[in-house]
Amino acid sequence: MIRINLLGQTRPRAARRRGPMMDTGAVTPLVFVGAGAALGVLALFLLYLSWQKQLNEENTRIKQLQAQKADLEQVKQQVDTFEAQKKILTQRVATIEQLQRDRTGAQELLDEIASTVSRTENLWLITMTRKGNNLSMEGAAASVNSVANFITALKRSGYFQKVEIKETKQDDKSTGIQTFVFQMTAEISPPQLGPIRPQQPKAVGTPAAPATPAKKG
């Protein structure tokens, strides 16, 4: 049906219905909570990245230290091998030097013993045994004084030290001649030779001038 407004007045419009309005006071805390949660997540993420970086650096450092340890173990094995070889060579050199000293000193020892025995009257040696620097001797003499003189000569030679008599007794097997048998030990200690000093050349004097004959007055 068509309606006509004869009064010429504008018809009031019907008021629109408004929906329920949101409370701004309740929205603000939610915003802060969300922002705080976002910042917390960001902080945790940054902390995680920092820890992950430190962990990677430590792992790299551990690998480097392990590599250095492996290198040092190889060097240690080489050093141990060299030390073992050095020890063997040192023992060989010491043995060779000892054999050389024994070989060169044997003739000197025999000469010294022979010279000492020859200077002692009525005494002779029966056996002589050397073990390193220790010398064992057995002999016989016509008297105890001859044995004492032999010991004194050994000490004065400077080639022996710690000369000790082990046993001295009269030989019961010897008939007609009184004989004493003895056993003694001595430590070989050859004197150390000092450096040879060069001889100073003798000063040669200037020849004397011939005497001039005296003039006759």
N, C-alpha and C. Protein backbone atom coordinates (compact mmCIF):
# COMPACT_ATOMS: atom_id res chain seq x y z
N MET A 1 0.87 -1.17 0.00
CA MET A 1 0.00 0.00 0.00
C MET A 1 0.91 1.23 0.00
N ILE A 2 0.49 2.22 -0.81
CA ILE A 2 1.26 3.47 -0.91
C ILE A 2 0.70 4.45 0.07
N ARG A 3 1.67 5.01 0.91
CA ARG A 3 1.26 6.00 1.88
C ARG A 3 1.78 7.37 1.45
N ILE A 4 0.92 8.41 1.59
CA ILE A 4 1.25 9.78 1.19
C ILE A 4 1.27 10.64 2.44
N ASN A 5 2.34 11.40 2.61
CA ASN A 5 2.49 12.29 3.74
C ASN A 5 1.91 13.64 3.38
N LEU A 6 0.79 13.98 3.90
CA LEU A 6 0.12 15.22 3.59
C LEU A 6 0.61 16.35 4.46
N LEU A 7 1.28 16.10 5.56
CA LEU A 7 1.72 17.16 6.45
C LEU A 7 3.03 17.81 5.98
N GLY A 8 3.74 17.25 5.13
CA GLY A 8 5.02 17.78 4.65
C GLY A 8 6.13 17.70 5.64
N GLN A 9 6.03 16.97 6.68
CA GLN A 9 7.11 16.80 7.70
C GLN A 9 7.92 15.53 7.41
N THR A 10 9.08 15.72 7.73
CA THR A 10 9.99 14.56 7.51
C THR A 10 9.75 13.51 8.56
N ARG A 11 9.64 12.37 8.10
CA ARG A 11 9.38 11.25 9.00
C ARG A 11 10.65 10.85 9.74
N PRO A 12 10.57 10.81 11.00
CA PRO A 12 11.79 10.41 11.75
C PRO A 12 12.20 8.98 11.43
N ARG A 13 13.54 8.91 11.29
CA ARG A 13 14.09 7.58 10.99
C ARG A 13 14.18 6.75 12.27
N ALA A 14 14.07 5.53 12.03
CA ALA A 14 14.16 4.60 13.19
C ALA A 14 15.59 4.52 13.66
N ALA A 15 15.75 4.58 14.90
CA ALA A 15 17.12 4.51 15.46
C ALA A 15 17.71 3.11 15.27
N ARG A 16 19.01 3.15 14.83
CA ARG A 16 19.71 1.86 14.61
C ARG A 16 20.13 1.27 15.94
N ARG A 17 20.12 0.02 15.98
CA ARG A 17 20.55 -0.70 17.17
C ARG A 17 22.09 -0.87 17.17
N ARG A 18 22.69 -0.42 18.20
CA ARG A 18 24.14 -0.58 18.35
C ARG A 18 24.48 -1.88 19.09
N GLY A 19 25.59 -2.46 18.63
CA GLY A 19 26.05 -3.70 19.29
C GLY A 19 26.71 -3.38 20.61
N PRO A 20 27.03 -4.35 21.35
CA PRO A 20 27.67 -4.15 22.65
C PRO A 20 29.07 -3.56 22.49
N MET A 21 29.46 -2.49 23.18
CA MET A 21 30.76 -1.81 23.08
C MET A 21 31.79 -2.54 23.97
N MET A 22 33.05 -2.61 23.43
CA MET A 22 34.14 -3.27 24.15
C MET A 22 34.71 -2.33 25.20
N ASP A 23 35.07 -2.89 26.33
CA ASP A 23 35.62 -2.12 27.43
C ASP A 23 37.12 -1.95 27.21
N THR A 24 37.56 -0.69 27.03
CA THR A 24 39.00 -0.42 26.81
C THR A 24 39.85 -0.76 28.03
N GLY A 25 39.27 -0.70 29.16
CA GLY A 25 40.04 -1.05 30.37
C GLY A 25 40.42 -2.50 30.43
N ALA A 26 39.69 -3.39 29.80
CA ALA A 26 40.03 -4.82 29.81
C ALA A 26 40.99 -5.18 28.70
N VAL A 27 41.02 -4.33 27.62
CA VAL A 27 41.92 -4.65 26.49
C VAL A 27 43.36 -4.33 26.83
N THR A 28 43.61 -3.26 27.59
CA THR A 28 44.99 -2.81 27.85
C THR A 28 45.85 -3.88 28.54
N PRO A 29 45.42 -4.56 29.57
CA PRO A 29 46.26 -5.60 30.19
C PRO A 29 46.58 -6.73 29.23
N LEU A 30 45.65 -7.07 28.37
CA LEU A 30 45.94 -8.13 27.40
C LEU A 30 47.06 -7.74 26.46
N VAL A 31 47.09 -6.47 26.08
CA VAL A 31 48.15 -6.00 25.19
C VAL A 31 49.51 -6.11 25.87
N PHE A 32 49.57 -5.68 27.14
CA PHE A 32 50.85 -5.75 27.87
C PHE A 32 51.31 -7.19 28.09
N VAL A 33 50.31 -8.05 28.36
CA VAL A 33 50.67 -9.46 28.55
C VAL A 33 51.22 -10.05 27.26
N GLY A 34 50.58 -9.75 26.13
CA GLY A 34 51.06 -10.26 24.86
C GLY A 34 52.43 -9.72 24.50
N ALA A 35 52.63 -8.39 24.76
CA ALA A 35 53.94 -7.80 24.48
C ALA A 35 55.02 -8.41 25.37
N GLY A 36 54.69 -8.61 26.66
CA GLY A 36 55.67 -9.22 27.56
C GLY A 36 56.02 -10.63 27.15
N ALA A 37 54.99 -11.40 26.72
CA ALA A 37 55.26 -12.77 26.27
C ALA A 37 56.14 -12.78 25.03
N ALA A 38 55.87 -11.83 24.10
CA ALA A 38 56.68 -11.75 22.89
C ALA A 38 58.12 -11.40 23.23
N LEU A 39 58.31 -10.42 24.14
CA LEU A 39 59.66 -10.05 24.55
C LEU A 39 60.37 -11.20 25.25
N GLY A 40 59.62 -11.94 26.09
CA GLY A 40 60.23 -13.09 26.76
C GLY A 40 60.68 -14.15 25.79
N VAL A 41 59.81 -14.42 24.77
CA VAL A 41 60.19 -15.41 23.75
C VAL A 41 61.41 -14.94 22.99
N LEU A 42 61.45 -13.63 22.66
CA LEU A 42 62.60 -13.09 21.93
C LEU A 42 63.87 -13.19 22.76
N ALA A 43 63.77 -12.87 24.07
CA ALA A 43 64.94 -12.95 24.95
C ALA A 43 65.44 -14.39 25.06
N LEU A 44 64.49 -15.32 25.20
CA LEU A 44 64.89 -16.73 25.26
C LEU A 44 65.54 -17.18 23.96
N PHE A 45 65.02 -16.72 22.85
CA PHE A 45 65.61 -17.09 21.56
C PHE A 45 67.02 -16.55 21.42
N LEU A 46 67.20 -15.27 21.82
CA LEU A 46 68.55 -14.69 21.77
C LEU A 46 69.50 -15.41 22.72
N LEU A 47 69.02 -15.77 23.92
CA LEU A 47 69.85 -16.51 24.86
C LEU A 47 70.21 -17.89 24.31
N TYR A 48 69.26 -18.51 23.64
CA TYR A 48 69.52 -19.81 23.02
C TYR A 48 70.59 -19.68 21.94
N LEU A 49 70.48 -18.62 21.12
CA LEU A 49 71.50 -18.41 20.09
C LEU A 49 72.88 -18.18 20.70
N SER A 50 72.93 -17.43 21.81
CA SER A 50 74.21 -17.18 22.47
C SER A 50 74.80 -18.48 23.02
N TRP A 51 73.95 -19.26 23.69
CA TRP A 51 74.44 -20.54 24.21
C TRP A 51 74.86 -21.49 23.09
N GLN A 52 74.14 -21.48 22.00
CA GLN A 52 74.48 -22.34 20.87
C GLN A 52 75.82 -21.92 20.27
N LYS A 53 76.05 -20.62 20.22
CA LYS A 53 77.33 -20.13 19.70
C LYS A 53 78.48 -20.55 20.62
N GLN A 54 78.29 -20.39 21.93
CA GLN A 54 79.32 -20.82 22.88
C GLN A 54 79.57 -22.31 22.80
N LEU A 55 78.48 -23.07 22.64
CA LEU A 55 78.63 -24.52 22.53
C LEU A 55 79.42 -24.91 21.29
N ASN A 56 79.15 -24.24 20.18
CA ASN A 56 79.89 -24.52 18.94
C ASN A 56 81.37 -24.16 19.10
N GLU A 57 81.63 -23.02 19.77
CA GLU A 57 83.02 -22.62 20.00
C GLU A 57 83.74 -23.63 20.89
N GLU A 58 83.08 -24.09 21.94
CA GLU A 58 83.70 -25.09 22.82
C GLU A 58 83.94 -26.40 22.10
N ASN A 59 83.00 -26.80 21.25
CA ASN A 59 83.20 -28.04 20.49
C ASN A 59 84.39 -27.90 19.54
N THR A 60 84.51 -26.73 18.92
CA THR A 60 85.65 -26.49 18.03
C THR A 60 86.96 -26.52 18.81
N ARG A 61 86.93 -25.90 20.01
CA ARG A 61 88.14 -25.89 20.83
C ARG A 61 88.50 -27.30 21.29
N ILE A 62 87.50 -28.09 21.63
CA ILE A 62 87.76 -29.48 22.05
C ILE A 62 88.39 -30.27 20.91
N LYS A 63 87.90 -30.07 19.70
CA LYS A 63 88.47 -30.78 18.55
C LYS A 63 89.93 -30.36 18.34
N GLN A 64 90.22 -29.06 18.50
CA GLN A 64 91.59 -28.59 18.35
C GLN A 64 92.50 -29.18 19.41
N LEU A 65 92.00 -29.22 20.67
CA LEU A 65 92.80 -29.80 21.75
C LEU A 65 93.03 -31.29 21.54
N GLN A 66 92.03 -31.98 21.03
CA GLN A 66 92.21 -33.40 20.75
C GLN A 66 93.25 -33.63 19.66
N ALA A 67 93.23 -32.75 18.64
CA ALA A 67 94.23 -32.86 17.58
C ALA A 67 95.64 -32.58 18.13
N GLN A 68 95.75 -31.56 19.01
CA GLN A 68 97.04 -31.27 19.63
C GLN A 68 97.50 -32.43 20.51
N LYS A 69 96.56 -33.03 21.23
CA LYS A 69 96.90 -34.17 22.07
C LYS A 69 97.44 -35.33 21.24
N ALA A 70 96.80 -35.58 20.10
CA ALA A 70 97.28 -36.66 19.23
C ALA A 70 98.69 -36.37 18.72
N ASP A 71 98.94 -35.08 18.36
CA ASP A 71 100.28 -34.71 17.90
C ASP A 71 101.31 -34.86 19.01
N LEU A 72 100.93 -34.43 20.23
CA LEU A 72 101.85 -34.55 21.36
C LEU A 72 102.14 -36.01 21.71
N GLU A 73 101.14 -36.87 21.57
CA GLU A 73 101.38 -38.29 21.83
C GLU A 73 102.37 -38.88 20.82
N GLN A 74 102.27 -38.46 19.57
CA GLN A 74 103.23 -38.92 18.57
C GLN A 74 104.63 -38.42 18.89
N VAL A 75 104.72 -37.13 19.30
CA VAL A 75 106.02 -36.58 19.67
C VAL A 75 106.59 -37.31 20.88
N LYS A 76 105.71 -37.61 21.86
CA LYS A 76 106.17 -38.33 23.05
C LYS A 76 106.68 -39.72 22.69
N GLN A 77 106.01 -40.39 21.79
CA GLN A 77 106.49 -41.70 21.36
C GLN A 77 107.86 -41.60 20.69
N GLN A 78 108.05 -40.57 19.88
CA GLN A 78 109.34 -40.38 19.25
C GLN A 78 110.42 -40.08 20.28
N VAL A 79 110.08 -39.23 21.27
CA VAL A 79 111.05 -38.92 22.32
C VAL A 79 111.41 -40.17 23.12
N ASP A 80 110.41 -40.98 23.44
CA ASP A 80 110.68 -42.23 24.18
C ASP A 80 111.58 -43.15 23.37
N THR A 81 111.33 -43.21 22.06
CA THR A 81 112.18 -44.04 21.20
C THR A 81 113.61 -43.53 21.19
N PHE A 82 113.76 -42.20 21.07
CA PHE A 82 115.11 -41.61 21.07
C PHE A 82 115.80 -41.84 22.41
N GLU A 83 115.05 -41.72 23.51
CA GLU A 83 115.64 -41.94 24.83
C GLU A 83 116.11 -43.38 24.98
N ALA A 84 115.31 -44.33 24.49
CA ALA A 84 115.72 -45.74 24.56
C ALA A 84 116.98 -45.98 23.73
N GLN A 85 117.01 -45.41 22.52
CA GLN A 85 118.20 -45.55 21.69
C GLN A 85 119.42 -44.90 22.33
N LYS A 86 119.20 -43.72 22.95
CA LYS A 86 120.30 -43.03 23.62
C LYS A 86 120.84 -43.86 24.77
N LYS A 87 119.93 -44.48 25.53
CA LYS A 87 120.36 -45.32 26.65
C LYS A 87 121.19 -46.50 26.17
N ILE A 88 120.74 -47.13 25.09
CA ILE A 88 121.48 -48.27 24.55
C ILE A 88 122.86 -47.83 24.07
N LEU A 89 122.91 -46.70 23.33
CA LEU A 89 124.19 -46.21 22.84
C LEU A 89 125.11 -45.81 23.98
N THR A 90 124.54 -45.20 25.04
CA THR A 90 125.36 -44.82 26.18
C THR A 90 125.97 -46.05 26.85
N GLN A 91 125.17 -47.11 26.99
CA GLN A 91 125.69 -48.33 27.58
C GLN A 91 126.79 -48.94 26.70
N ARG A 92 126.58 -48.90 25.39
CA ARG A 92 127.61 -49.45 24.49
C ARG A 92 128.90 -48.66 24.58
N VAL A 93 128.76 -47.32 24.60
CA VAL A 93 129.95 -46.48 24.68
C VAL A 93 130.68 -46.72 26.00
N ALA A 94 129.92 -46.83 27.11
CA ALA A 94 130.54 -47.09 28.41
C ALA A 94 131.26 -48.43 28.42
N THR A 95 130.64 -49.44 27.79
CA THR A 95 131.29 -50.76 27.73
C THR A 95 132.57 -50.71 26.92
N ILE A 96 132.51 -50.01 25.79
CA ILE A 96 133.71 -49.90 24.94
C ILE A 96 134.82 -49.15 25.66
N GLU A 97 134.44 -48.06 26.36
CA GLU A 97 135.45 -47.30 27.10
C GLU A 97 136.05 -48.13 28.22
N GLN A 98 135.21 -48.91 28.91
CA GLN A 98 135.73 -49.77 29.98
C GLN A 98 136.68 -50.82 29.43
N LEU A 99 136.30 -51.44 28.30
CA LEU A 99 137.19 -52.43 27.67
C LEU A 99 138.49 -51.78 27.23
N GLN A 100 138.39 -50.57 26.71
CA GLN A 100 139.60 -49.87 26.27
C GLN A 100 140.50 -49.56 27.46
N ARG A 101 139.89 -49.11 28.58
CA ARG A 101 140.70 -48.84 29.77
C ARG A 101 141.33 -50.11 30.32
N ASP A 102 140.55 -51.21 30.32
CA ASP A 102 141.11 -52.47 30.83
C ASP A 102 142.25 -52.96 29.94
N ARG A 103 142.07 -52.77 28.62
CA ARG A 103 143.12 -53.27 27.71
C ARG A 103 144.39 -52.45 27.82
N THR A 104 144.21 -51.11 27.87
CA THR A 104 145.40 -50.27 27.95
C THR A 104 146.03 -50.31 29.33
N GLY A 105 145.21 -50.55 30.39
CA GLY A 105 145.76 -50.56 31.74
C GLY A 105 146.34 -51.89 32.16
N ALA A 106 146.08 -52.95 31.40
CA ALA A 106 146.58 -54.27 31.79
C ALA A 106 148.10 -54.31 31.76
N GLN A 107 148.70 -53.77 30.70
CA GLN A 107 150.15 -53.81 30.59
C GLN A 107 150.79 -52.94 31.67
N GLU A 108 150.18 -51.78 31.94
CA GLU A 108 150.72 -50.92 32.99
C GLU A 108 150.62 -51.60 34.35
N LEU A 109 149.49 -52.31 34.57
CA LEU A 109 149.32 -53.02 35.84
C LEU A 109 150.38 -54.10 36.01
N LEU A 110 150.60 -54.89 34.96
CA LEU A 110 151.61 -55.94 35.05
C LEU A 110 153.01 -55.36 35.28
N ASP A 111 153.28 -54.25 34.60
CA ASP A 111 154.60 -53.64 34.77
C ASP A 111 154.78 -53.12 36.20
N GLU A 112 153.71 -52.53 36.74
CA GLU A 112 153.81 -51.99 38.10
C GLU A 112 153.96 -53.11 39.13
N ILE A 113 153.19 -54.19 38.95
CA ILE A 113 153.31 -55.32 39.89
C ILE A 113 154.70 -55.95 39.79
N ALA A 114 155.17 -56.16 38.56
CA ALA A 114 156.49 -56.79 38.38
C ALA A 114 157.59 -55.92 38.98
N SER A 115 157.47 -54.60 38.79
CA SER A 115 158.48 -53.70 39.35
C SER A 115 158.46 -53.72 40.87
N THR A 116 157.25 -53.77 41.46
CA THR A 116 157.15 -53.79 42.92
C THR A 116 157.67 -55.10 43.49
N VAL A 117 157.37 -56.21 42.83
CA VAL A 117 157.85 -57.50 43.31
C VAL A 117 159.37 -57.58 43.21
N SER A 118 159.92 -57.03 42.12
CA SER A 118 161.37 -57.11 41.94
C SER A 118 162.11 -56.26 42.98
N ARG A 119 161.45 -55.22 43.49
CA ARG A 119 162.09 -54.39 44.51
C ARG A 119 161.96 -54.98 45.91
N THR A 120 161.13 -56.02 46.05
CA THR A 120 160.95 -56.67 47.36
C THR A 120 161.76 -57.96 47.39
N GLU A 121 162.62 -58.08 48.39
CA GLU A 121 163.49 -59.25 48.48
C GLU A 121 162.72 -60.45 49.04
N ASN A 122 163.06 -61.62 48.50
CA ASN A 122 162.55 -62.90 49.02
C ASN A 122 161.02 -62.96 48.98
N LEU A 123 160.40 -62.51 47.87
CA LEU A 123 158.94 -62.55 47.73
C LEU A 123 158.61 -62.82 46.28
N TRP A 124 157.61 -63.63 46.07
CA TRP A 124 157.14 -63.92 44.72
C TRP A 124 155.62 -64.16 44.76
N LEU A 125 154.99 -63.90 43.62
CA LEU A 125 153.55 -64.08 43.50
C LEU A 125 153.23 -65.41 42.86
N ILE A 126 152.12 -66.00 43.31
CA ILE A 126 151.67 -67.28 42.76
C ILE A 126 150.50 -67.07 41.81
N THR A 127 149.48 -66.33 42.26
CA THR A 127 148.32 -66.04 41.42
C THR A 127 147.95 -64.57 41.59
N MET A 128 147.31 -64.05 40.56
CA MET A 128 146.80 -62.67 40.59
C MET A 128 145.52 -62.63 39.78
N THR A 129 144.43 -62.14 40.38
CA THR A 129 143.12 -62.10 39.73
C THR A 129 142.58 -60.67 39.81
N ARG A 130 142.07 -60.21 38.66
CA ARG A 130 141.52 -58.86 38.62
C ARG A 130 140.02 -58.93 38.28
N LYS A 131 139.23 -58.20 39.06
CA LYS A 131 137.80 -58.04 38.79
C LYS A 131 137.47 -56.56 38.86
N GLY A 132 137.38 -55.95 37.69
CA GLY A 132 137.16 -54.51 37.66
C GLY A 132 138.38 -53.79 38.17
N ASN A 133 138.21 -53.01 39.24
CA ASN A 133 139.33 -52.31 39.85
C ASN A 133 139.86 -53.02 41.09
N ASN A 134 139.35 -54.20 41.37
CA ASN A 134 139.79 -54.96 42.54
C ASN A 134 140.79 -56.02 42.10
N LEU A 135 141.87 -56.09 42.84
CA LEU A 135 142.95 -57.02 42.52
C LEU A 135 143.18 -57.94 43.71
N SER A 136 143.20 -59.26 43.45
CA SER A 136 143.46 -60.26 44.49
C SER A 136 144.78 -60.95 44.15
N MET A 137 145.63 -61.08 45.17
CA MET A 137 146.96 -61.67 44.95
C MET A 137 147.23 -62.72 46.02
N GLU A 138 147.89 -63.77 45.59
CA GLU A 138 148.39 -64.81 46.50
C GLU A 138 149.87 -65.01 46.19
N GLY A 139 150.66 -65.14 47.24
CA GLY A 139 152.09 -65.30 47.03
C GLY A 139 152.76 -65.96 48.21
N ALA A 140 154.07 -65.94 48.16
CA ALA A 140 154.87 -66.55 49.23
C ALA A 140 156.08 -65.67 49.47
N ALA A 141 156.60 -65.73 50.67
CA ALA A 141 157.76 -64.92 51.04
C ALA A 141 158.57 -65.68 52.06
N ALA A 142 159.84 -65.27 52.17
CA ALA A 142 160.72 -65.94 53.12
C ALA A 142 160.49 -65.46 54.54
N SER A 143 159.85 -64.29 54.69
CA SER A 143 159.61 -63.77 56.03
C SER A 143 158.39 -62.86 56.00
N VAL A 144 157.89 -62.60 57.21
CA VAL A 144 156.74 -61.70 57.32
C VAL A 144 157.15 -60.27 56.96
N ASN A 145 158.42 -59.92 57.22
CA ASN A 145 158.90 -58.58 56.89
C ASN A 145 158.85 -58.34 55.38
N SER A 146 159.10 -59.38 54.61
CA SER A 146 159.04 -59.23 53.16
C SER A 146 157.61 -58.91 52.71
N VAL A 147 156.64 -59.54 53.34
CA VAL A 147 155.23 -59.25 53.02
C VAL A 147 154.90 -57.81 53.39
N ALA A 148 155.35 -57.37 54.56
CA ALA A 148 155.10 -55.99 54.99
C ALA A 148 155.76 -55.00 54.04
N ASN A 149 157.01 -55.31 53.61
CA ASN A 149 157.69 -54.42 52.68
C ASN A 149 156.96 -54.36 51.32
N PHE A 150 156.39 -55.48 50.91
CA PHE A 150 155.64 -55.51 49.65
C PHE A 150 154.38 -54.63 49.74
N ILE A 151 153.69 -54.71 50.87
CA ILE A 151 152.49 -53.88 51.06
C ILE A 151 152.87 -52.39 51.05
N THR A 152 153.97 -52.06 51.72
CA THR A 152 154.42 -50.66 51.75
C THR A 152 154.79 -50.17 50.35
N ALA A 153 155.43 -51.02 49.57
CA ALA A 153 155.82 -50.63 48.21
C ALA A 153 154.60 -50.42 47.34
N LEU A 154 153.56 -51.25 47.51
CA LEU A 154 152.34 -51.06 46.74
C LEU A 154 151.67 -49.73 47.06
N LYS A 155 151.64 -49.38 48.34
CA LYS A 155 151.00 -48.12 48.73
C LYS A 155 151.79 -46.92 48.23
N ARG A 156 153.12 -47.02 48.27
CA ARG A 156 153.95 -45.89 47.85
C ARG A 156 153.97 -45.71 46.33
N SER A 157 153.60 -46.74 45.60
CA SER A 157 153.65 -46.63 44.14
C SER A 157 152.63 -45.63 43.60
N GLY A 158 151.57 -45.35 44.36
CA GLY A 158 150.54 -44.44 43.89
C GLY A 158 149.59 -45.07 42.88
N TYR A 159 149.79 -46.34 42.58
CA TYR A 159 148.95 -47.04 41.63
C TYR A 159 147.86 -47.85 42.31
N PHE A 160 148.00 -48.05 43.62
CA PHE A 160 147.06 -48.88 44.37
C PHE A 160 146.62 -48.13 45.63
N GLN A 161 145.43 -48.46 46.09
CA GLN A 161 144.93 -47.94 47.35
C GLN A 161 144.11 -49.03 48.04
N LYS A 162 143.89 -48.87 49.32
CA LYS A 162 143.17 -49.84 50.13
C LYS A 162 143.80 -51.22 50.02
N VAL A 163 145.12 -51.26 50.22
CA VAL A 163 145.84 -52.54 50.21
C VAL A 163 145.60 -53.22 51.56
N GLU A 164 145.00 -54.38 51.53
CA GLU A 164 144.65 -55.09 52.76
C GLU A 164 145.17 -56.53 52.69
N ILE A 165 145.78 -56.96 53.79
CA ILE A 165 146.24 -58.34 53.91
C ILE A 165 145.11 -59.20 54.46
N LYS A 166 144.79 -60.27 53.78
CA LYS A 166 143.70 -61.14 54.21
C LYS A 166 144.19 -62.28 55.11
N GLU A 167 145.33 -62.83 54.76
CA GLU A 167 145.82 -63.98 55.54
C GLU A 167 147.33 -64.10 55.34
N THR A 168 148.00 -64.39 56.39
CA THR A 168 149.44 -64.68 56.36
C THR A 168 149.72 -65.83 57.32
N LYS A 169 150.34 -66.87 56.82
CA LYS A 169 150.63 -68.02 57.68
C LYS A 169 151.86 -68.76 57.11
N GLN A 170 152.44 -69.50 57.97
CA GLN A 170 153.62 -70.28 57.57
C GLN A 170 153.19 -71.49 56.77
N ASP A 171 153.93 -71.75 55.73
CA ASP A 171 153.61 -72.88 54.86
C ASP A 171 154.12 -74.16 55.50
N ASP A 172 153.17 -75.02 55.87
CA ASP A 172 153.55 -76.29 56.49
C ASP A 172 154.07 -77.30 55.48
N LYS A 173 153.74 -77.09 54.22
CA LYS A 173 154.18 -78.05 53.20
C LYS A 173 155.64 -77.89 52.85
N SER A 174 156.17 -76.71 53.11
CA SER A 174 157.57 -76.47 52.77
C SER A 174 158.46 -77.06 53.86
N THR A 175 159.40 -77.88 53.46
CA THR A 175 160.32 -78.53 54.39
C THR A 175 161.72 -78.00 54.16
N GLY A 176 162.38 -77.71 55.22
CA GLY A 176 163.76 -77.26 55.13
C GLY A 176 163.89 -75.76 55.04
N ILE A 177 162.96 -75.09 54.36
CA ILE A 177 163.03 -73.64 54.20
C ILE A 177 161.76 -73.04 54.80
N GLN A 178 161.93 -72.04 55.63
CA GLN A 178 160.77 -71.38 56.23
C GLN A 178 160.12 -70.47 55.19
N THR A 179 158.85 -70.69 54.94
CA THR A 179 158.12 -69.94 53.92
C THR A 179 156.77 -69.51 54.48
N PHE A 180 156.40 -68.30 54.13
CA PHE A 180 155.10 -67.76 54.56
C PHE A 180 154.26 -67.50 53.30
N VAL A 181 153.03 -67.97 53.34
CA VAL A 181 152.10 -67.70 52.24
C VAL A 181 151.14 -66.60 52.69
N PHE A 182 150.66 -65.81 51.72
CA PHE A 182 149.80 -64.68 52.07
C PHE A 182 148.74 -64.49 50.98
N GLN A 183 147.69 -63.85 51.41
CA GLN A 183 146.62 -63.43 50.50
C GLN A 183 146.31 -61.97 50.81
N MET A 184 146.19 -61.16 49.75
CA MET A 184 145.90 -59.74 49.95
C MET A 184 145.06 -59.22 48.79
N THR A 185 144.44 -58.10 49.04
CA THR A 185 143.63 -57.42 48.03
C THR A 185 144.07 -55.97 47.93
N ALA A 186 143.82 -55.38 46.77
CA ALA A 186 144.17 -53.98 46.54
C ALA A 186 143.20 -53.40 45.51
N GLU A 187 142.96 -52.13 45.63
CA GLU A 187 142.10 -51.43 44.68
C GLU A 187 142.97 -50.63 43.72
N ILE A 188 142.77 -50.88 42.44
CA ILE A 188 143.59 -50.22 41.41
C ILE A 188 143.12 -48.78 41.26
N SER A 189 144.03 -47.85 41.38
CA SER A 189 143.72 -46.44 41.21
C SER A 189 144.92 -45.76 40.59
N PRO A 190 145.06 -45.90 39.25
CA PRO A 190 146.23 -45.30 38.60
C PRO A 190 146.21 -43.79 38.74
N PRO A 191 147.36 -43.19 38.92
CA PRO A 191 147.41 -41.72 39.06
C PRO A 191 146.98 -41.05 37.78
N GLN A 192 146.26 -39.92 37.93
CA GLN A 192 145.84 -39.14 36.77
C GLN A 192 147.00 -38.29 36.29
N LEU A 193 147.25 -38.39 35.02
CA LEU A 193 148.33 -37.61 34.44
C LEU A 193 147.85 -36.21 34.16
N GLY A 194 148.56 -35.24 34.60
CA GLY A 194 148.20 -33.85 34.35
C GLY A 194 148.57 -33.45 32.94
N PRO A 195 148.15 -32.27 32.51
CA PRO A 195 148.48 -31.81 31.16
C PRO A 195 149.98 -31.59 31.01
N ILE A 196 150.48 -31.93 29.87
CA ILE A 196 151.91 -31.79 29.59
C ILE A 196 152.20 -30.33 29.30
N ARG A 197 153.09 -29.77 30.06
CA ARG A 197 153.44 -28.38 29.85
C ARG A 197 154.56 -28.27 28.82
N PRO A 198 154.41 -27.38 27.87
CA PRO A 198 155.48 -27.23 26.89
C PRO A 198 156.73 -26.67 27.54
N GLN A 199 157.85 -27.17 27.13
CA GLN A 199 159.11 -26.72 27.69
C GLN A 199 159.44 -25.33 27.16
N GLN A 200 159.89 -24.49 28.07
CA GLN A 200 160.27 -23.15 27.68
C GLN A 200 161.63 -23.20 27.00
N PRO A 201 161.76 -22.52 25.86
CA PRO A 201 163.08 -22.53 25.19
C PRO A 201 164.12 -21.82 26.05
N LYS A 202 165.29 -22.37 26.04
CA LYS A 202 166.37 -21.80 26.82
C LYS A 202 166.84 -20.51 26.18
N ALA A 203 167.09 -19.56 27.05
CA ALA A 203 167.57 -18.27 26.54
C ALA A 203 169.00 -18.42 26.07
N VAL A 204 169.21 -17.94 24.89
CA VAL A 204 170.54 -18.01 24.31
C VAL A 204 171.21 -16.66 24.51
N GLY A 205 172.31 -16.64 25.19
CA GLY A 205 172.99 -15.39 25.44
C GLY A 205 173.72 -14.88 24.22
N THR A 206 173.95 -13.61 24.16
CA THR A 206 174.68 -13.01 23.04
C THR A 206 176.16 -13.32 23.20
N PRO A 207 176.80 -13.64 22.12
CA PRO A 207 178.25 -13.97 22.25
C PRO A 207 179.04 -12.77 22.77
N ALA A 208 179.97 -13.08 23.60
CA ALA A 208 180.79 -12.01 24.19
C ALA A 208 181.67 -11.41 23.13
N ALA A 209 181.86 -10.12 23.22
CA ALA A 209 182.72 -9.43 22.25
C ALA A 209 184.16 -9.78 22.50
N PRO A 210 184.93 -9.98 21.47
CA PRO A 210 186.36 -10.33 21.66
C PRO A 210 187.08 -9.22 22.41
N ALA A 211 187.93 -9.64 23.28
CA ALA A 211 188.69 -8.66 24.08
C ALA A 211 189.69 -7.96 23.19
N THR A 212 189.78 -6.69 23.33
CA THR A 212 190.74 -5.90 22.55
C THR A 212 192.08 -5.94 23.25
N PRO A 213 193.10 -6.17 22.51
CA PRO A 213 194.43 -6.23 23.16
C PRO A 213 194.80 -4.88 23.74
N ALA A 214 195.43 -4.94 24.87
CA ALA A 214 195.85 -3.69 25.52
C ALA A 214 196.95 -3.03 24.73
N LYS A 215 196.88 -1.74 24.63
CA LYS A 215 197.90 -1.00 23.90
C LYS A 215 199.14 -0.85 24.76
N LYS A 216 200.20 -1.02 24.12
CA LYS A 216 201.47 -0.84 24.84
C LYS A 216 201.77 0.64 24.99
N GLY A 217 202.18 1.02 26.16
CA GLY A 217 202.48 2.41 26.40
C GLY A 217 203.84 2.81 25.88
